[in-house]
């Protein structure tokens, strides 16, 4: 259960004679107070202008107590899954309302049955991994309820405990991966070895890594921050979404918007943008389209191969559609197509 967000601290009132102006703090000090990287705070400020802080004579940003309280609340809300972009334009009163609404939604309410049914079931081998994943902020950002199974000390224990359990994916911590690791996994836990899995490992030879990667196992070289594990989980959750399930059932992938000839013609045009981005976007679109066709034609040795190629084709199709949106934006900027047009002639 997510704990209610604590109210931001307020300073005690005092007369000007008793207390002078509150000190201004530099970026590094504020980042330490908020327990976040200095680089993250600077990116937030550069992209979203979260505060109207003063500048020191040397050009460094200075924060007041009000600025720090606002940033602390934004930091808490992002850890609970709210996007920084959706919070940046809110004033302190609006941020506190978001926090209060969030607390009301999670205070003492039982998990609805449909949420339990939609949980992503992740088996975890390694106690430290389970501790890292069992964080409300991390799970909120996943976007889907996560049920942790375990942690288990080893794969054999997991196989015994999960005989009658439905498992969606497997996350393991292995200090060392040796040449026989995959064979041992397949023999001791055949039901688990075919699941999507990631291994957070300490040491392994290049040959072992190539073998594991070839069968679709995600390799995460330790140490890795929590966000890397979150990205892996997000990829799996996205793969299991209703839209992907429909696509797996035979839904036709969206067709290309432009042919290779149109993209080549666009890449060779002069643009008003003072860089090579338009040409690079067109070239990336051609490469994505080519790989999309290639992955659809790959030979499959077994069901796992077919699922992997289907996943690659679907993911490439989604990436291709995003870059088509990017090229549309560029074409509109250059006046090659009307803004909001549903089709475009780039050639």
C-alpha atoms as a PDB file:
ATOM      1  CA  UNK A   1       0.000   0.000   0.000  1.00  0.00           C
ATOM      2  CA  UNK A   2       1.328   3.425  -0.927  1.00  0.00           C
ATOM      3  CA  UNK A   3       1.852   5.660   2.064  1.00  0.00           C
ATOM      4  CA  UNK A   4       0.236   9.117   1.999  1.00  0.00           C
ATOM      5  CA  UNK A   5       2.570  11.873   0.919  1.00  0.00           C
ATOM      6  CA  UNK A   6       3.778  13.836   3.939  1.00  0.00           C
ATOM      7  CA  UNK A   7       2.981  17.504   4.047  1.00  0.00           C
ATOM      8  CA  UNK A   8       5.915  19.660   3.039  1.00  0.00           C
ATOM      9  CA  UNK A   9       7.544  21.236   6.111  1.00  0.00           C
ATOM     10  CA  UNK A  10       6.907  24.881   6.808  1.00  0.00           C
ATOM     11  CA  UNK A  11       9.173  27.200   8.670  1.00  0.00           C
ATOM     12  CA  UNK A  12       8.048  28.670  11.989  1.00  0.00           C
ATOM     13  CA  UNK A  13       6.883  32.265  11.963  1.00  0.00           C
ATOM     14  CA  UNK A  14       9.055  34.932  13.486  1.00  0.00           C
ATOM     15  CA  UNK A  15       9.356  38.683  13.340  1.00  0.00           C
ATOM     16  CA  UNK A  16      12.007  40.314  11.137  1.00  0.00           C
ATOM     17  CA  UNK A  17      13.826  41.395  14.305  1.00  0.00           C
ATOM     18  CA  UNK A  18      14.106  37.779  15.482  1.00  0.00           C
ATOM     19  CA  UNK A  19      15.122  36.241  12.178  1.00  0.00           C
ATOM     20  CA  UNK A  20      16.814  37.599   9.081  1.00  0.00           C
ATOM     21  CA  UNK A  21      16.147  36.655   5.444  1.00  0.00           C
ATOM     22  CA  UNK A  22      16.188  32.920   4.722  1.00  0.00           C
ATOM     23  CA  UNK A  23      19.453  31.826   3.093  1.00  0.00           C
ATOM     24  CA  UNK A  24      19.564  30.936  -0.583  1.00  0.00           C
ATOM     25  CA  UNK A  25      20.952  27.527  -1.496  1.00  0.00           C
ATOM     26  CA  UNK A  26      22.987  26.425  -4.484  1.00  0.00           C
ATOM     27  CA  UNK A  27      22.013  23.583  -6.825  1.00  0.00           C
ATOM     28  CA  UNK A  28      24.343  21.028  -5.211  1.00  0.00           C
ATOM     29  CA  UNK A  29      22.992  21.670  -1.731  1.00  0.00           C
ATOM     30  CA  UNK A  30      19.383  21.427  -2.903  1.00  0.00           C
ATOM     31  CA  UNK A  31      20.082  18.188  -4.781  1.00  0.00           C
ATOM     32  CA  UNK A  32      21.548  16.666  -1.600  1.00  0.00           C
ATOM     33  CA  UNK A  33      18.523  17.780   0.405  1.00  0.00           C
ATOM     34  CA  UNK A  34      16.209  16.159  -2.141  1.00  0.00           C
ATOM     35  CA  UNK A  35      18.416  13.042  -2.439  1.00  0.00           C
ATOM     36  CA  UNK A  36      18.616  13.282  -6.199  1.00  0.00           C
ATOM     37  CA  UNK A  37      21.505  13.647  -8.659  1.00  0.00           C
ATOM     38  CA  UNK A  38      22.623  17.210  -9.359  1.00  0.00           C
ATOM     39  CA  UNK A  39      22.479  16.429 -13.085  1.00  0.00           C
ATOM     40  CA  UNK A  40      18.799  15.473 -12.828  1.00  0.00           C
ATOM     41  CA  UNK A  41      17.919  18.708 -11.059  1.00  0.00           C
ATOM     42  CA  UNK A  42      19.754  20.725 -13.706  1.00  0.00           C
ATOM     43  CA  UNK A  43      17.955  18.872 -16.514  1.00  0.00           C
ATOM     44  CA  UNK A  44      14.628  19.552 -14.815  1.00  0.00           C
ATOM     45  CA  UNK A  45      15.409  23.236 -14.628  1.00  0.00           C
ATOM     46  CA  UNK A  46      16.712  23.451 -18.179  1.00  0.00           C
ATOM     47  CA  UNK A  47      13.731  21.644 -19.702  1.00  0.00           C
ATOM     48  CA  UNK A  48      10.865  22.700 -17.458  1.00  0.00           C
ATOM     49  CA  UNK A  49      11.985  25.904 -15.633  1.00  0.00           C
ATOM     50  CA  UNK A  50      10.488  24.617 -12.382  1.00  0.00           C
ATOM     51  CA  UNK A  51      11.546  27.638 -10.310  1.00  0.00           C
ATOM     52  CA  UNK A  52      12.269  31.288 -10.881  1.00  0.00           C
ATOM     53  CA  UNK A  53      15.441  31.150  -8.827  1.00  0.00           C
ATOM     54  CA  UNK A  54      17.947  33.944  -8.534  1.00  0.00           C
ATOM     55  CA  UNK A  55      21.462  33.773  -9.901  1.00  0.00           C
ATOM     56  CA  UNK A  56      24.667  34.342  -7.976  1.00  0.00           C
ATOM     57  CA  UNK A  57      27.279  36.802  -9.296  1.00  0.00           C
ATOM     58  CA  UNK A  58      29.077  33.803 -10.807  1.00  0.00           C
ATOM     59  CA  UNK A  59      25.914  32.686 -12.630  1.00  0.00           C
ATOM     60  CA  UNK A  60      24.925  29.763 -10.365  1.00  0.00           C
ATOM     61  CA  UNK A  61      21.245  29.208  -9.625  1.00  0.00           C
ATOM     62  CA  UNK A  62      20.104  29.982  -6.079  1.00  0.00           C
ATOM     63  CA  UNK A  63      17.014  28.487  -4.445  1.00  0.00           C
ATOM     64  CA  UNK A  64      14.800  29.919  -1.720  1.00  0.00           C
ATOM     65  CA  UNK A  65      13.013  27.859   0.944  1.00  0.00           C
ATOM     66  CA  UNK A  66       9.812  28.079  -1.118  1.00  0.00           C
ATOM     67  CA  UNK A  67      11.692  26.752  -4.158  1.00  0.00           C
ATOM     68  CA  UNK A  68      13.036  23.821  -2.151  1.00  0.00           C
ATOM     69  CA  UNK A  69       9.583  22.946  -0.785  1.00  0.00           C
ATOM     70  CA  UNK A  70       8.143  23.001  -4.298  1.00  0.00           C
ATOM     71  CA  UNK A  71      10.944  20.828  -5.669  1.00  0.00           C
ATOM     72  CA  UNK A  72      10.591  18.391  -2.752  1.00  0.00           C
ATOM     73  CA  UNK A  73       6.914  17.894  -3.519  1.00  0.00           C
ATOM     74  CA  UNK A  74       7.579  17.469  -7.235  1.00  0.00           C
ATOM     75  CA  UNK A  75      10.270  14.929  -6.412  1.00  0.00           C
ATOM     76  CA  UNK A  76       7.846  12.945  -4.221  1.00  0.00           C
ATOM     77  CA  UNK A  77       5.163  12.955  -6.902  1.00  0.00           C
ATOM     78  CA  UNK A  78       7.542  11.761  -9.622  1.00  0.00           C
ATOM     79  CA  UNK A  79       8.574   8.872  -7.385  1.00  0.00           C
ATOM     80  CA  UNK A  80       4.894   7.951  -7.163  1.00  0.00           C
ATOM     81  CA  UNK A  81       4.635   7.730 -10.923  1.00  0.00           C
ATOM     82  CA  UNK A  82       3.548  11.227 -12.013  1.00  0.00           C
ATOM     83  CA  UNK A  83       5.320  12.536 -15.116  1.00  0.00           C
ATOM     84  CA  UNK A  84       7.553  15.551 -14.515  1.00  0.00           C
ATOM     85  CA  UNK A  85       6.105  17.227 -17.599  1.00  0.00           C
ATOM     86  CA  UNK A  86       2.588  17.095 -16.145  1.00  0.00           C
ATOM     87  CA  UNK A  87       3.762  18.681 -12.870  1.00  0.00           C
ATOM     88  CA  UNK A  88       6.023  21.431 -14.180  1.00  0.00           C
ATOM     89  CA  UNK A  89       3.269  23.938 -14.910  1.00  0.00           C
ATOM     90  CA  UNK A  90       1.441  23.539 -11.588  1.00  0.00           C
ATOM     91  CA  UNK A  91       1.763  25.980  -8.721  1.00  0.00           C
ATOM     92  CA  UNK A  92       2.263  24.874  -5.127  1.00  0.00           C
ATOM     93  CA  UNK A  93      -1.460  24.744  -4.350  1.00  0.00           C
ATOM     94  CA  UNK A  94      -2.150  22.601  -7.405  1.00  0.00           C
ATOM     95  CA  UNK A  95       0.751  20.276  -6.564  1.00  0.00           C
ATOM     96  CA  UNK A  96      -0.606  19.824  -3.050  1.00  0.00           C
ATOM     97  CA  UNK A  97      -4.004  18.963  -4.536  1.00  0.00           C
ATOM     98  CA  UNK A  98      -2.399  16.285  -6.711  1.00  0.00           C
ATOM     99  CA  UNK A  99      -0.664  14.905  -3.627  1.00  0.00           C
ATOM    100  CA  UNK A 100      -3.898  14.926  -1.613  1.00  0.00           C
ATOM    101  CA  UNK A 101      -5.811  13.189  -4.403  1.00  0.00           C
ATOM    102  CA  UNK A 102      -3.095  10.563  -4.707  1.00  0.00           C
ATOM    103  CA  UNK A 103      -3.186   9.897  -0.961  1.00  0.00           C
ATOM    104  CA  UNK A 104      -6.991   9.593  -0.945  1.00  0.00           C
ATOM    105  CA  UNK A 105      -6.920   7.073  -3.767  1.00  0.00           C
ATOM    106  CA  UNK A 106      -4.474   4.816  -1.939  1.00  0.00           C
ATOM    107  CA  UNK A 107      -5.353   5.273   1.749  1.00  0.00           C
ATOM    108  CA  UNK A 108      -6.947   2.103   3.053  1.00  0.00           C
ATOM    109  CA  UNK A 109      -8.608   1.037  -0.172  1.00  0.00           C
ATOM    110  CA  UNK A 110      -8.507  -2.671  -1.098  1.00  0.00           C
ATOM    111  CA  UNK A 111      -7.037  -3.652  -4.423  1.00  0.00           C
ATOM    112  CA  UNK A 112      -9.894  -4.175  -6.914  1.00  0.00           C
ATOM    113  CA  UNK A 113     -10.257  -7.709  -8.347  1.00  0.00           C
ATOM    114  CA  UNK A 114      -9.588  -6.535 -11.895  1.00  0.00           C
ATOM    115  CA  UNK A 115      -6.245  -5.056 -10.789  1.00  0.00           C
ATOM    116  CA  UNK A 116      -5.258  -8.344  -9.162  1.00  0.00           C
ATOM    117  CA  UNK A 117      -6.133 -10.239 -12.341  1.00  0.00           C
ATOM    118  CA  UNK A 118      -4.051  -7.843 -14.424  1.00  0.00           C
ATOM    119  CA  UNK A 119      -0.905  -8.131 -12.332  1.00  0.00           C
ATOM    120  CA  UNK A 120       2.379  -8.897 -13.990  1.00  0.00           C
ATOM    121  CA  UNK A 121       3.828 -11.911 -12.141  1.00  0.00           C
ATOM    122  CA  UNK A 122       7.592 -11.687 -11.825  1.00  0.00           C
ATOM    123  CA  UNK A 123       9.615 -14.455 -10.189  1.00  0.00           C
ATOM    124  CA  UNK A 124      12.730 -13.085  -8.494  1.00  0.00           C
ATOM    125  CA  UNK A 125      15.873 -15.022  -7.593  1.00  0.00           C
ATOM    126  CA  UNK A 126      18.034 -12.990  -5.245  1.00  0.00           C
ATOM    127  CA  UNK A 127      16.940 -11.204  -2.074  1.00  0.00           C
ATOM    128  CA  UNK A 128      18.640  -7.923  -2.977  1.00  0.00           C
ATOM    129  CA  UNK A 129      16.705  -7.739  -6.237  1.00  0.00           C
ATOM    130  CA  UNK A 130      13.403  -8.182  -4.423  1.00  0.00           C
ATOM    131  CA  UNK A 131      14.267  -5.347  -2.042  1.00  0.00           C
ATOM    132  CA  UNK A 132      15.088  -3.048  -4.948  1.00  0.00           C
ATOM    133  CA  UNK A 133      11.835  -3.829  -6.736  1.00  0.00           C
ATOM    134  CA  UNK A 134       9.598  -3.515  -3.686  1.00  0.00           C
ATOM    135  CA  UNK A 135       9.431   0.274  -3.870  1.00  0.00           C
ATOM    136  CA  UNK A 136       6.117   2.104  -4.369  1.00  0.00           C
ATOM    137  CA  UNK A 137       7.675   4.762  -6.576  1.00  0.00           C
ATOM    138  CA  UNK A 138       9.320   2.230  -8.874  1.00  0.00           C
ATOM    139  CA  UNK A 139       6.189   0.130  -9.223  1.00  0.00           C
ATOM    140  CA  UNK A 140       4.016   3.175  -9.894  1.00  0.00           C
ATOM    141  CA  UNK A 141       6.190   4.073 -12.862  1.00  0.00           C
ATOM    142  CA  UNK A 142       5.748   0.588 -14.298  1.00  0.00           C
ATOM    143  CA  UNK A 143       2.144   1.417 -15.184  1.00  0.00           C
ATOM    144  CA  UNK A 144       0.780  -2.035 -14.320  1.00  0.00           C
ATOM    145  CA  UNK A 145       0.369  -3.903 -11.000  1.00  0.00           C
ATOM    146  CA  UNK A 146       3.392  -6.103 -10.310  1.00  0.00           C
ATOM    147  CA  UNK A 147       3.275  -9.252  -8.193  1.00  0.00           C
ATOM    148  CA  UNK A 148       6.671 -10.381  -6.959  1.00  0.00           C
ATOM    149  CA  UNK A 149       7.048 -14.145  -6.550  1.00  0.00           C
ATOM    150  CA  UNK A 150       9.857 -14.948  -4.144  1.00  0.00           C
ATOM    151  CA  UNK A 151      12.584 -14.019  -3.626  1.00  0.00           C
ATOM    152  CA  UNK A 152      14.141 -17.444  -4.049  1.00  0.00           C
ATOM    153  CA  UNK A 153      17.702 -18.404  -3.226  1.00  0.00           C
ATOM    154  CA  UNK A 154      18.286 -20.339  -6.455  1.00  0.00           C
ATOM    155  CA  UNK A 155      16.553 -21.622  -9.563  1.00  0.00           C
ATOM    156  CA  UNK A 156      15.875 -25.049  -8.062  1.00  0.00           C
ATOM    157  CA  UNK A 157      13.984 -23.536  -5.138  1.00  0.00           C
ATOM    158  CA  UNK A 158      12.008 -21.334  -7.523  1.00  0.00           C
ATOM    159  CA  UNK A 159      11.078 -24.307  -9.714  1.00  0.00           C
ATOM    160  CA  UNK A 160       9.756 -26.254  -6.716  1.00  0.00           C
ATOM    161  CA  UNK A 161       7.777 -23.346  -5.290  1.00  0.00           C
ATOM    162  CA  UNK A 162       6.254 -22.246  -8.598  1.00  0.00           C
ATOM    163  CA  UNK A 163       5.016 -25.603  -9.917  1.00  0.00           C
ATOM    164  CA  UNK A 164       1.367 -24.511  -9.753  1.00  0.00           C
ATOM    165  CA  UNK A 165       1.901 -20.777 -10.189  1.00  0.00           C
ATOM    166  CA  UNK A 166       1.483 -18.750 -13.357  1.00  0.00           C
ATOM    167  CA  UNK A 167       4.657 -16.785 -14.024  1.00  0.00           C
ATOM    168  CA  UNK A 168       5.119 -14.102 -16.674  1.00  0.00           C
ATOM    169  CA  UNK A 169       8.846 -13.414 -16.400  1.00  0.00           C
ATOM    170  CA  UNK A 170      11.978 -14.244 -14.449  1.00  0.00           C
ATOM    171  CA  UNK A 171      14.593 -11.901 -12.983  1.00  0.00           C
ATOM    172  CA  UNK A 172      17.792 -13.410 -11.595  1.00  0.00           C
ATOM    173  CA  UNK A 173      20.928 -12.242  -9.854  1.00  0.00           C
ATOM    174  CA  UNK A 174      24.002 -14.340 -10.636  1.00  0.00           C
ATOM    175  CA  UNK A 175      27.465 -13.223  -9.461  1.00  0.00           C
ATOM    176  CA  UNK A 176      29.064 -15.394 -12.160  1.00  0.00           C
ATOM    177  CA  UNK A 177      27.778 -16.948 -15.367  1.00  0.00           C
ATOM    178  CA  UNK A 178      29.723 -20.021 -16.480  1.00  0.00           C
ATOM    179  CA  UNK A 179      29.551 -22.079 -19.665  1.00  0.00           C
ATOM    180  CA  UNK A 180      27.139 -24.635 -18.183  1.00  0.00           C
ATOM    181  CA  UNK A 181      24.751 -22.132 -16.592  1.00  0.00           C
ATOM    182  CA  UNK A 182      22.118 -22.237 -19.317  1.00  0.00           C
ATOM    183  CA  UNK A 183      22.138 -26.040 -19.455  1.00  0.00           C
ATOM    184  CA  UNK A 184      21.717 -26.236 -15.678  1.00  0.00           C
ATOM    185  CA  UNK A 185      18.819 -23.814 -15.852  1.00  0.00           C
ATOM    186  CA  UNK A 186      17.046 -25.778 -18.567  1.00  0.00           C
ATOM    187  CA  UNK A 187      17.490 -29.119 -16.780  1.00  0.00           C
ATOM    188  CA  UNK A 188      16.553 -27.997 -13.267  1.00  0.00           C
ATOM    189  CA  UNK A 189      13.694 -25.657 -14.204  1.00  0.00           C
ATOM    190  CA  UNK A 190      12.390 -26.473 -17.693  1.00  0.00           C
ATOM    191  CA  UNK A 191       9.078 -24.700 -17.048  1.00  0.00           C
ATOM    192  CA  UNK A 192      10.887 -21.480 -16.160  1.00  0.00           C
ATOM    193  CA  UNK A 193      13.656 -21.611 -18.756  1.00  0.00           C
ATOM    194  CA  UNK A 194      11.293 -20.683 -21.580  1.00  0.00           C
ATOM    195  CA  UNK A 195      10.064 -17.504 -19.881  1.00  0.00           C
ATOM    196  CA  UNK A 196      11.230 -13.992 -20.739  1.00  0.00           C
ATOM    197  CA  UNK A 197      14.099 -13.346 -18.350  1.00  0.00           C
ATOM    198  CA  UNK A 198      16.839 -10.945 -17.423  1.00  0.00           C
ATOM    199  CA  UNK A 199      20.031 -11.782 -15.549  1.00  0.00           C
ATOM    200  CA  UNK A 200      21.842  -9.226 -13.450  1.00  0.00           C
ATOM    201  CA  UNK A 201      25.350 -10.677 -13.452  1.00  0.00           C
ATOM    202  CA  UNK A 202      28.787  -9.829 -12.163  1.00  0.00           C
ATOM    203  CA  UNK A 203      31.213 -11.701 -14.400  1.00  0.00           C
ATOM    204  CA  UNK A 204      30.875 -13.745 -17.602  1.00  0.00           C
ATOM    205  CA  UNK A 205      32.965 -14.487 -20.646  1.00  0.00           C
ATOM    206  CA  UNK A 206      32.041 -12.998 -23.999  1.00  0.00           C
ATOM    207  CA  UNK A 207      31.217 -16.474 -25.329  1.00  0.00           C
ATOM    208  CA  UNK A 208      28.750 -17.123 -22.512  1.00  0.00           C
ATOM    209  CA  UNK A 209      27.111 -13.743 -23.033  1.00  0.00           C
ATOM    210  CA  UNK A 210      26.732 -14.414 -26.755  1.00  0.00           C
ATOM    211  CA  UNK A 211      25.118 -17.795 -26.027  1.00  0.00           C
ATOM    212  CA  UNK A 212      22.596 -16.339 -23.581  1.00  0.00           C
ATOM    213  CA  UNK A 213      21.809 -13.357 -25.767  1.00  0.00           C
ATOM    214  CA  UNK A 214      21.225 -15.677 -28.725  1.00  0.00           C
ATOM    215  CA  UNK A 215      18.348 -17.403 -26.903  1.00  0.00           C
ATOM    216  CA  UNK A 216      16.734 -14.100 -25.954  1.00  0.00           C
ATOM    217  CA  UNK A 217      17.969 -13.658 -22.365  1.00  0.00           C
ATOM    218  CA  UNK A 218      18.494 -10.019 -21.389  1.00  0.00           C
ATOM    219  CA  UNK A 219      21.896  -9.442 -19.788  1.00  0.00           C
ATOM    220  CA  UNK A 220      22.335  -6.605 -17.282  1.00  0.00           C
ATOM    221  CA  UNK A 221      25.910  -6.170 -16.115  1.00  0.00           C
ATOM    222  CA  UNK A 222      25.982  -5.330 -12.389  1.00  0.00           C
ATOM    223  CA  UNK A 223      25.838  -2.830 -10.890  1.00  0.00           C
ATOM    224  CA  UNK A 224      22.796  -1.337 -12.615  1.00  0.00           C
ATOM    225  CA  UNK A 225      20.473   1.405 -11.329  1.00  0.00           C
ATOM    226  CA  UNK A 226      16.848   0.560 -10.645  1.00  0.00           C
ATOM    227  CA  UNK A 227      15.750   2.472 -13.732  1.00  0.00           C
ATOM    228  CA  UNK A 228      17.483  -0.067 -16.014  1.00  0.00           C
ATOM    229  CA  UNK A 229      15.513  -2.929 -14.462  1.00  0.00           C
ATOM    230  CA  UNK A 230      12.385  -0.791 -14.771  1.00  0.00           C
ATOM    231  CA  UNK A 231      13.041  -0.293 -18.486  1.00  0.00           C
ATOM    232  CA  UNK A 232      13.320  -4.056 -18.986  1.00  0.00           C
ATOM    233  CA  UNK A 233      10.041  -4.618 -17.128  1.00  0.00           C
ATOM    234  CA  UNK A 234       8.327  -1.896 -19.137  1.00  0.00           C
ATOM    235  CA  UNK A 235       9.352  -3.633 -22.338  1.00  0.00           C
ATOM    236  CA  UNK A 236       7.813  -6.891 -21.152  1.00  0.00           C
ATOM    237  CA  UNK A 237       4.636  -5.204 -19.935  1.00  0.00           C
ATOM    238  CA  UNK A 238       4.275  -3.409 -23.259  1.00  0.00           C
ATOM    239  CA  UNK A 239       4.698  -6.716 -25.060  1.00  0.00           C
ATOM    240  CA  UNK A 240       1.798  -8.181 -23.056  1.00  0.00           C
ATOM    241  CA  UNK A 241      -0.556  -5.222 -23.543  1.00  0.00           C
ATOM    242  CA  UNK A 242      -3.966  -5.816 -25.172  1.00  0.00           C
ATOM    243  CA  UNK A 243      -2.833  -4.020 -28.324  1.00  0.00           C
ATOM    244  CA  UNK A 244       0.098  -6.398 -28.720  1.00  0.00           C
ATOM    245  CA  UNK A 245      -2.078  -9.425 -27.940  1.00  0.00           C
ATOM    246  CA  UNK A 246      -4.411  -8.386 -30.754  1.00  0.00           C
ATOM    247  CA  UNK A 247      -1.435  -7.950 -33.052  1.00  0.00           C
ATOM    248  CA  UNK A 248      -0.109 -11.380 -32.071  1.00  0.00           C
ATOM    249  CA  UNK A 249      -3.505 -12.851 -32.913  1.00  0.00           C
ATOM    250  CA  UNK A 250      -3.083 -11.751 -36.498  1.00  0.00           C
ATOM    251  CA  UNK A 251      -3.803  -8.025 -36.686  1.00  0.00           C
ATOM    252  CA  UNK A 252      -2.113  -6.536 -39.759  1.00  0.00           C
ATOM    253  CA  UNK A 253       0.700  -4.095 -38.979  1.00  0.00           C
ATOM    254  CA  UNK A 254       0.056  -0.506 -40.144  1.00  0.00           C
ATOM    255  CA  UNK A 255       1.431   0.077 -43.664  1.00  0.00           C
ATOM    256  CA  UNK A 256       4.294   2.394 -44.427  1.00  0.00           C
ATOM    257  CA  UNK A 257       3.447   6.024 -45.067  1.00  0.00           C
ATOM    258  CA  UNK A 258       6.217   6.651 -47.589  1.00  0.00           C
ATOM    259  CA  UNK A 259       8.153   4.517 -50.037  1.00  0.00           C
ATOM    260  CA  UNK A 260      11.937   4.305 -50.161  1.00  0.00           C
ATOM    261  CA  UNK A 261      11.972   6.509 -53.285  1.00  0.00           C
ATOM    262  CA  UNK A 262      10.020   9.241 -51.481  1.00  0.00           C
ATOM    263  CA  UNK A 263      12.344   9.054 -48.490  1.00  0.00           C
ATOM    264  CA  UNK A 264      15.444   9.205 -50.690  1.00  0.00           C
ATOM    265  CA  UNK A 265      14.043  12.252 -52.495  1.00  0.00           C
ATOM    266  CA  UNK A 266      13.322  13.957 -49.181  1.00  0.00           C
ATOM    267  CA  UNK A 267      16.788  13.137 -47.801  1.00  0.00           C
ATOM    268  CA  UNK A 268      18.374  14.839 -50.838  1.00  0.00           C
ATOM    269  CA  UNK A 269      16.337  18.037 -50.547  1.00  0.00           C
ATOM    270  CA  UNK A 270      17.747  21.225 -49.105  1.00  0.00           C
ATOM    271  CA  UNK A 271      16.101  22.230 -45.849  1.00  0.00           C
ATOM    272  CA  UNK A 272      15.986  25.353 -43.723  1.00  0.00           C
ATOM    273  CA  UNK A 273      17.119  23.418 -40.645  1.00  0.00           C
ATOM    274  CA  UNK A 274      20.789  24.125 -39.915  1.00  0.00           C
ATOM    275  CA  UNK A 275      21.710  20.477 -39.338  1.00  0.00           C
ATOM    276  CA  UNK A 276      21.436  17.037 -40.894  1.00  0.00           C
ATOM    277  CA  UNK A 277      18.489  15.857 -38.763  1.00  0.00           C
ATOM    278  CA  UNK A 278      15.903  15.766 -41.621  1.00  0.00           C
ATOM    279  CA  UNK A 279      18.160  13.585 -43.753  1.00  0.00           C
ATOM    280  CA  UNK A 280      19.015  11.307 -40.811  1.00  0.00           C
ATOM    281  CA  UNK A 281      15.342  10.823 -39.925  1.00  0.00           C
ATOM    282  CA  UNK A 282      14.559   9.814 -43.517  1.00  0.00           C
ATOM    283  CA  UNK A 283      17.475   7.368 -43.528  1.00  0.00           C
ATOM    284  CA  UNK A 284      16.436   5.880 -40.192  1.00  0.00           C
ATOM    285  CA  UNK A 285      12.938   5.357 -41.568  1.00  0.00           C
ATOM    286  CA  UNK A 286      14.328   3.416 -44.513  1.00  0.00           C
ATOM    287  CA  UNK A 287      16.451   1.241 -42.213  1.00  0.00           C
ATOM    288  CA  UNK A 288      13.513   0.544 -39.895  1.00  0.00           C
ATOM    289  CA  UNK A 289      11.294  -0.414 -42.820  1.00  0.00           C
ATOM    290  CA  UNK A 290      13.951  -2.730 -44.186  1.00  0.00           C
ATOM    291  CA  UNK A 291      14.465  -4.411 -40.815  1.00  0.00           C
ATOM    292  CA  UNK A 292      10.695  -4.736 -40.366  1.00  0.00           C
ATOM    293  CA  UNK A 293      10.513  -6.715 -43.612  1.00  0.00           C
ATOM    294  CA  UNK A 294      13.631  -8.710 -42.715  1.00  0.00           C
ATOM    295  CA  UNK A 295      12.342  -9.790 -39.276  1.00  0.00           C
ATOM    296  CA  UNK A 296       9.073 -10.959 -40.855  1.00  0.00           C
ATOM    297  CA  UNK A 297      11.010 -13.253 -43.195  1.00  0.00           C
ATOM    298  CA  UNK A 298      13.481 -14.764 -40.703  1.00  0.00           C
ATOM    299  CA  UNK A 299      13.584 -18.541 -40.319  1.00  0.00           C
ATOM    300  CA  UNK A 300      12.326 -19.963 -37.029  1.00  0.00           C
ATOM    301  CA  UNK A 301      13.757 -23.078 -35.387  1.00  0.00           C
ATOM    302  CA  UNK A 302      11.021 -23.289 -32.760  1.00  0.00           C
ATOM    303  CA  UNK A 303       8.129 -21.449 -31.113  1.00  0.00           C
ATOM    304  CA  UNK A 304      10.501 -19.292 -29.060  1.00  0.00           C
ATOM    305  CA  UNK A 305      12.228 -18.114 -32.251  1.00  0.00           C
ATOM    306  CA  UNK A 306       8.884 -17.237 -33.821  1.00  0.00           C
ATOM    307  CA  UNK A 307       7.840 -15.254 -30.754  1.00  0.00           C
ATOM    308  CA  UNK A 308      11.140 -13.371 -30.733  1.00  0.00           C
ATOM    309  CA  UNK A 309      10.858 -12.423 -34.407  1.00  0.00           C
ATOM    310  CA  UNK A 310       7.239 -11.400 -33.952  1.00  0.00           C
ATOM    311  CA  UNK A 311       8.292  -9.186 -31.055  1.00  0.00           C
ATOM    312  CA  UNK A 312      11.090  -7.611 -33.133  1.00  0.00           C
ATOM    313  CA  UNK A 313       8.740  -6.964 -36.030  1.00  0.00           C
ATOM    314  CA  UNK A 314       6.094  -5.377 -33.789  1.00  0.00           C
ATOM    315  CA  UNK A 315       8.636  -3.217 -31.966  1.00  0.00           C
ATOM    316  CA  UNK A 316      10.198  -2.076 -35.245  1.00  0.00           C
ATOM    317  CA  UNK A 317       6.769  -1.252 -36.647  1.00  0.00           C
ATOM    318  CA  UNK A 318       6.023   0.945 -33.631  1.00  0.00           C
ATOM    319  CA  UNK A 319       9.402   2.670 -33.957  1.00  0.00           C
ATOM    320  CA  UNK A 320       8.809   3.199 -37.667  1.00  0.00           C
ATOM    321  CA  UNK A 321       5.436   4.839 -36.961  1.00  0.00           C
ATOM    322  CA  UNK A 322       7.041   7.185 -34.416  1.00  0.00           C
ATOM    323  CA  UNK A 323       9.706   8.260 -36.892  1.00  0.00           C
ATOM    324  CA  UNK A 324       7.006   8.749 -39.525  1.00  0.00           C
ATOM    325  CA  UNK A 325       5.414  11.201 -37.094  1.00  0.00           C
ATOM    326  CA  UNK A 326       8.790  12.913 -36.719  1.00  0.00           C
ATOM    327  CA  UNK A 327       9.229  13.191 -40.477  1.00  0.00           C
ATOM    328  CA  UNK A 328       5.703  14.581 -40.787  1.00  0.00           C
ATOM    329  CA  UNK A 329       6.640  17.288 -38.282  1.00  0.00           C
ATOM    330  CA  UNK A 330       9.763  18.115 -40.310  1.00  0.00           C
ATOM    331  CA  UNK A 331       7.826  18.181 -43.588  1.00  0.00           C
ATOM    332  CA  UNK A 332       5.252  20.540 -42.061  1.00  0.00           C
ATOM    333  CA  UNK A 333       8.061  22.756 -40.772  1.00  0.00           C
ATOM    334  CA  UNK A 334       9.570  22.900 -44.264  1.00  0.00           C
ATOM    335  CA  UNK A 335       6.193  23.634 -45.862  1.00  0.00           C
ATOM    336  CA  UNK A 336       6.283  20.445 -47.943  1.00  0.00           C
ATOM    337  CA  UNK A 337       2.887  19.308 -46.645  1.00  0.00           C
ATOM    338  CA  UNK A 338      -0.027  21.108 -45.039  1.00  0.00           C
ATOM    339  CA  UNK A 339      -0.135  21.012 -41.255  1.00  0.00           C
ATOM    340  CA  UNK A 340      -2.398  18.222 -40.035  1.00  0.00           C
ATOM    341  CA  UNK A 341      -2.463  16.463 -43.410  1.00  0.00           C
ATOM    342  CA  UNK A 342      -3.200  12.745 -43.299  1.00  0.00           C
ATOM    343  CA  UNK A 343      -0.900  11.924 -46.215  1.00  0.00           C
ATOM    344  CA  UNK A 344       2.189  13.443 -47.710  1.00  0.00           C
ATOM    345  CA  UNK A 345       3.955  13.424 -51.043  1.00  0.00           C
ATOM    346  CA  UNK A 346       7.623  13.855 -50.278  1.00  0.00           C
ATOM    347  CA  UNK A 347       9.002  12.926 -53.661  1.00  0.00           C
END
